[in-house]
Amino acid sequence: MRNLGKLISGEIERATKYKILTVGVGVSLLWCIIIAAIPLNDVKQIVPLIVFTDSAIMSAILISASLFFERNEGTLSTLAIAPCSVLEILLSKIIMSVVVALLSTAIIFVSVAIFHGTLINFMLVPYVILVATLNSIIGVLISLHSRDFNSMLVNFSIFVILLDLPAVLASVGLLPNWIELITIILPSQASQILITSTLVSTELYQVLISLGVVVLWSVLLLILAVYPKFKEYMVKG
């Protein structure tokens, strides 16, 4: 793992080149406007949804878009002959995506403090790291199974409808409790519960189950689905 630092530095340069960081910061500033506009009473309901959207959906979109640009420019083919392992290359991309999510979370922290004079529970930080990691892995998986940009958009639409929509509906109280309990096995719903628990009182068993679900999905997807496919893609160039 001695090359990981250099790879992450390279990812930062490419993220800047592809405007990934610019888009991430731009979306964060949009969140600031929304946070400034919402009443104080709605902060505990709206802010978790904003953080979830940013750390989950945006993380998946940004890393998938980055891989798409690299594929078009042949950057991955260059990395394939570099003196580093496939796992290091994959981890550097995931870490870069998590860094962008943390940057956005920091901006949201400051926005809530400035506009509403309240502080967010700092447990949000490790939860954002876990959620962004999981959804970055999902983003890589989507990109690797997309032939072109249009198919990537279609795959993302399916991903959002099947996995993220239940979490969004649950966050605004549009799902019955018994359905929420079933959907906790979905990575999106488990992610939403973890993030919401930092602002809203949540049963401990729900937090613990959600934590286990997020970690389990991350490990299984990385080992069984993403790494083998990414390694195959790197070998083919």
Protein backbone atom coordinates (compact mmCIF):
# COMPACT_ATOMS: atom_id res chain seq x y z
CA MET A 1 0.00 0.00 0.00
CA ARG A 2 3.02 2.33 -0.21
CA ASN A 3 1.82 3.77 -3.52
CA LEU A 4 -1.62 4.67 -2.20
CA GLY A 5 -0.68 8.24 -1.28
CA LYS A 6 0.66 8.96 -4.77
CA LEU A 7 -2.42 7.41 -6.36
CA ILE A 8 -4.74 9.54 -4.22
CA SER A 9 -2.75 12.64 -5.23
CA GLY A 10 -3.24 11.64 -8.86
CA GLU A 11 -6.97 11.15 -8.26
CA ILE A 12 -7.18 14.68 -6.83
CA GLU A 13 -5.50 16.05 -9.96
CA ARG A 14 -7.86 14.16 -12.25
CA ALA A 15 -10.89 15.15 -10.16
CA THR A 16 -9.86 18.76 -10.62
CA LYS A 17 -9.26 18.24 -14.33
CA TYR A 18 -12.64 16.56 -14.89
CA LYS A 19 -14.40 19.23 -12.77
CA ILE A 20 -15.47 16.57 -10.27
CA LEU A 21 -14.36 18.72 -7.34
CA THR A 22 -15.98 21.78 -8.92
CA VAL A 23 -19.30 19.97 -9.26
CA GLY A 24 -19.03 18.62 -5.71
CA VAL A 25 -18.41 22.07 -4.24
CA GLY A 26 -21.11 23.58 -6.46
CA VAL A 27 -23.68 21.10 -5.18
CA SER A 28 -22.56 21.85 -1.62
CA LEU A 29 -23.18 25.57 -2.17
CA LEU A 30 -26.65 24.68 -3.44
CA TRP A 31 -27.23 22.81 -0.17
CA CYS A 32 -26.17 25.97 1.68
CA ILE A 33 -28.91 27.94 -0.06
CA ILE A 34 -31.50 25.29 0.80
CA ILE A 35 -30.33 25.14 4.43
CA ALA A 36 -30.53 28.92 4.70
CA ALA A 37 -34.08 28.90 3.32
CA ILE A 38 -35.60 26.16 5.50
CA PRO A 39 -37.17 27.02 8.89
CA LEU A 40 -35.33 25.95 12.04
CA ASN A 41 -38.11 23.46 12.87
CA ASP A 42 -37.43 21.57 9.62
CA VAL A 43 -33.66 21.30 10.04
CA LYS A 44 -33.78 17.85 11.69
CA GLN A 45 -35.91 16.50 8.85
CA ILE A 46 -34.32 18.16 5.83
CA VAL A 47 -30.59 18.15 6.70
CA PRO A 48 -30.31 14.33 7.02
CA LEU A 49 -31.97 14.02 3.60
CA ILE A 50 -29.48 16.52 2.14
CA VAL A 51 -26.50 14.69 3.68
CA PHE A 52 -27.85 11.34 2.47
CA THR A 53 -28.35 12.66 -1.07
CA ASP A 54 -24.85 14.11 -1.08
CA SER A 55 -22.94 11.24 0.51
CA ALA A 56 -24.89 8.46 -1.20
CA ILE A 57 -26.26 9.52 -4.58
CA MET A 58 -23.64 12.18 -5.38
CA SER A 59 -20.76 9.91 -4.35
CA ALA A 60 -21.98 7.20 -6.71
CA ILE A 61 -22.55 9.66 -9.56
CA LEU A 62 -19.21 11.46 -9.24
CA ILE A 63 -17.03 8.35 -9.06
CA SER A 64 -18.90 6.75 -11.93
CA ALA A 65 -18.51 9.89 -14.06
CA SER A 66 -14.80 10.04 -13.19
CA LEU A 67 -14.29 6.45 -14.33
CA PHE A 68 -16.19 7.20 -17.54
CA PHE A 69 -13.87 10.13 -18.34
CA GLU A 70 -10.80 8.02 -17.53
CA ARG A 71 -12.09 5.27 -19.79
CA ASN A 72 -12.45 7.71 -22.70
CA GLU A 73 -8.95 9.14 -22.18
CA GLY A 74 -7.29 5.76 -21.63
CA THR A 75 -6.01 6.75 -18.18
CA LEU A 76 -6.78 3.33 -16.70
CA SER A 77 -4.63 1.68 -19.37
CA THR A 78 -1.71 3.85 -18.25
CA LEU A 79 -2.30 2.97 -14.60
CA ALA A 80 -2.37 -0.72 -15.52
CA ILE A 81 1.38 -0.67 -16.24
CA ALA A 82 2.23 1.45 -13.18
CA PRO A 83 4.11 -0.22 -10.26
CA CYS A 84 1.01 -0.50 -8.07
CA SER A 85 -1.66 -3.10 -7.45
CA VAL A 86 -5.17 -3.08 -8.84
CA LEU A 87 -6.51 -2.92 -5.29
CA GLU A 88 -4.48 0.23 -4.59
CA ILE A 89 -5.86 1.89 -7.73
CA LEU A 90 -9.41 0.95 -6.79
CA LEU A 91 -9.02 2.09 -3.17
CA SER A 92 -7.53 5.43 -4.25
CA LYS A 93 -10.64 6.18 -6.29
CA ILE A 94 -12.97 5.24 -3.44
CA ILE A 95 -10.96 7.31 -0.95
CA MET A 96 -11.06 10.32 -3.29
CA SER A 97 -14.84 10.04 -3.50
CA VAL A 98 -15.08 9.86 0.30
CA VAL A 99 -12.90 12.98 0.62
CA VAL A 100 -15.29 14.90 -1.65
CA ALA A 101 -18.24 13.71 0.48
CA LEU A 102 -16.48 14.82 3.67
CA LEU A 103 -15.73 18.23 2.16
CA SER A 104 -19.41 18.67 1.34
CA THR A 105 -20.39 17.49 4.84
CA ALA A 106 -18.05 20.09 6.36
CA ILE A 107 -19.75 22.81 4.29
CA ILE A 108 -23.14 21.58 5.51
CA PHE A 109 -21.86 21.60 9.13
CA VAL A 110 -20.83 25.24 8.77
CA SER A 111 -24.06 26.21 6.98
CA VAL A 112 -26.28 24.79 9.71
CA ALA A 113 -24.18 26.54 12.38
CA ILE A 114 -24.27 29.90 10.58
CA PHE A 115 -27.89 30.00 9.46
CA HIS A 116 -29.54 28.20 12.38
CA GLY A 117 -27.05 28.49 15.23
CA THR A 118 -27.13 24.76 15.89
CA LEU A 119 -24.44 22.08 15.77
CA ILE A 120 -24.67 18.70 14.10
CA ASN A 121 -23.67 15.56 15.98
CA PHE A 122 -20.06 14.75 15.03
CA MET A 123 -20.99 11.07 14.70
CA LEU A 124 -22.19 12.17 11.29
CA VAL A 125 -18.55 12.15 10.09
CA PRO A 126 -17.84 8.39 10.47
CA TYR A 127 -21.30 7.61 9.15
CA VAL A 128 -20.68 9.74 6.06
CA ILE A 129 -17.37 7.92 5.53
CA LEU A 130 -19.16 4.55 5.65
CA VAL A 131 -22.06 5.67 3.45
CA ALA A 132 -19.82 7.38 0.89
CA THR A 133 -17.57 4.30 0.77
CA LEU A 134 -20.50 1.98 0.12
CA ASN A 135 -22.03 4.17 -2.56
CA SER A 136 -18.67 4.81 -4.21
CA ILE A 137 -18.32 1.05 -4.55
CA ILE A 138 -21.80 0.92 -6.07
CA GLY A 139 -20.84 3.78 -8.42
CA VAL A 140 -17.78 1.87 -9.63
CA LEU A 141 -19.93 -1.22 -10.17
CA ILE A 142 -22.44 0.78 -12.22
CA SER A 143 -19.70 2.31 -14.35
CA LEU A 144 -18.03 -1.04 -15.03
CA HIS A 145 -21.33 -2.47 -16.25
CA SER A 146 -22.13 0.49 -18.52
CA ARG A 147 -21.10 0.46 -22.17
CA ASP A 148 -21.39 4.21 -22.67
CA PHE A 149 -22.64 7.39 -21.00
CA ASN A 150 -26.29 6.78 -21.94
CA SER A 151 -26.29 3.26 -20.51
CA MET A 152 -24.65 4.65 -17.37
CA LEU A 153 -27.52 7.12 -16.98
CA VAL A 154 -30.06 4.31 -17.44
CA ASN A 155 -28.27 2.15 -14.85
CA PHE A 156 -28.22 5.07 -12.43
CA SER A 157 -31.94 5.61 -12.91
CA ILE A 158 -32.59 1.97 -12.05
CA PHE A 159 -30.25 2.24 -9.05
CA VAL A 160 -32.04 5.32 -7.72
CA ILE A 161 -35.52 3.88 -8.21
CA LEU A 162 -34.78 0.49 -6.66
CA LEU A 163 -32.37 1.44 -3.88
CA ASP A 164 -32.53 5.14 -3.04
CA LEU A 165 -36.21 5.98 -3.52
CA PRO A 166 -37.36 3.86 -0.55
CA ALA A 167 -34.91 5.71 1.72
CA VAL A 168 -36.10 9.11 0.50
CA LEU A 169 -39.77 8.15 0.97
CA ALA A 170 -39.03 6.81 4.45
CA SER A 171 -37.20 10.01 5.42
CA VAL A 172 -40.30 12.11 4.73
CA GLY A 173 -42.66 9.64 6.44
CA LEU A 174 -44.37 8.28 3.33
CA LEU A 175 -43.72 4.61 4.10
CA PRO A 176 -45.49 2.51 6.76
CA ASN A 177 -43.31 1.40 9.68
CA TRP A 178 -43.44 -2.27 8.72
CA ILE A 179 -42.10 -1.52 5.23
CA GLU A 180 -39.31 0.60 6.74
CA LEU A 181 -38.27 -2.38 8.89
CA ILE A 182 -38.06 -4.62 5.81
CA THR A 183 -36.17 -2.07 3.68
CA ILE A 184 -33.46 -1.71 6.32
CA ILE A 185 -31.61 -4.49 4.49
CA LEU A 186 -31.24 -2.14 1.52
CA PRO A 187 -27.97 -0.20 1.54
CA SER A 188 -29.81 3.08 0.93
CA GLN A 189 -32.25 2.68 3.82
CA ALA A 190 -29.52 1.56 6.19
CA SER A 191 -27.44 4.58 5.14
CA GLN A 192 -30.37 6.91 5.70
CA ILE A 193 -30.99 5.55 9.20
CA LEU A 194 -27.35 6.03 10.20
CA ILE A 195 -27.30 9.64 9.01
CA THR A 196 -30.72 10.49 10.45
CA SER A 197 -29.75 9.03 13.85
CA THR A 198 -27.28 11.91 14.35
CA LEU A 199 -30.11 14.45 14.43
CA VAL A 200 -33.23 12.49 15.31
CA SER A 201 -33.76 10.07 18.19
CA THR A 202 -33.41 6.56 16.74
CA GLU A 203 -33.72 3.13 18.32
CA LEU A 204 -30.31 1.65 19.10
CA TYR A 205 -31.15 -1.66 17.42
CA GLN A 206 -31.93 0.19 14.17
CA VAL A 207 -28.58 1.97 14.29
CA LEU A 208 -26.68 -1.26 14.99
CA ILE A 209 -28.49 -3.20 12.25
CA SER A 210 -27.94 -0.35 9.79
CA LEU A 211 -24.27 -0.19 10.68
CA GLY A 212 -23.91 -3.91 10.06
CA VAL A 213 -25.83 -3.70 6.77
CA VAL A 214 -23.68 -0.86 5.42
CA VAL A 215 -20.41 -2.57 6.36
CA LEU A 216 -21.57 -5.97 5.07
CA TRP A 217 -22.75 -4.56 1.72
CA SER A 218 -19.47 -2.67 1.33
CA VAL A 219 -17.31 -5.73 1.97
CA LEU A 220 -19.39 -8.14 -0.12
CA LEU A 221 -19.72 -5.81 -3.12
CA LEU A 222 -16.04 -4.88 -3.04
CA ILE A 223 -14.75 -8.45 -2.76
CA LEU A 224 -17.31 -10.37 -4.83
CA ALA A 225 -18.44 -7.90 -7.49
CA VAL A 226 -16.33 -4.76 -7.88
CA TYR A 227 -12.73 -5.93 -7.42
CA PRO A 228 -12.94 -8.94 -9.80
CA LYS A 229 -14.66 -6.83 -12.49
CA PHE A 230 -12.27 -3.91 -12.01
CA LYS A 231 -9.26 -6.24 -12.16
CA GLU A 232 -10.60 -7.80 -15.36
CA TYR A 233 -11.13 -4.34 -16.85
CA MET A 234 -7.60 -3.21 -15.92
CA VAL A 235 -6.08 -6.34 -17.51
CA LYS A 236 -8.01 -5.79 -20.74
CA GLY A 237 -7.03 -2.12 -20.70
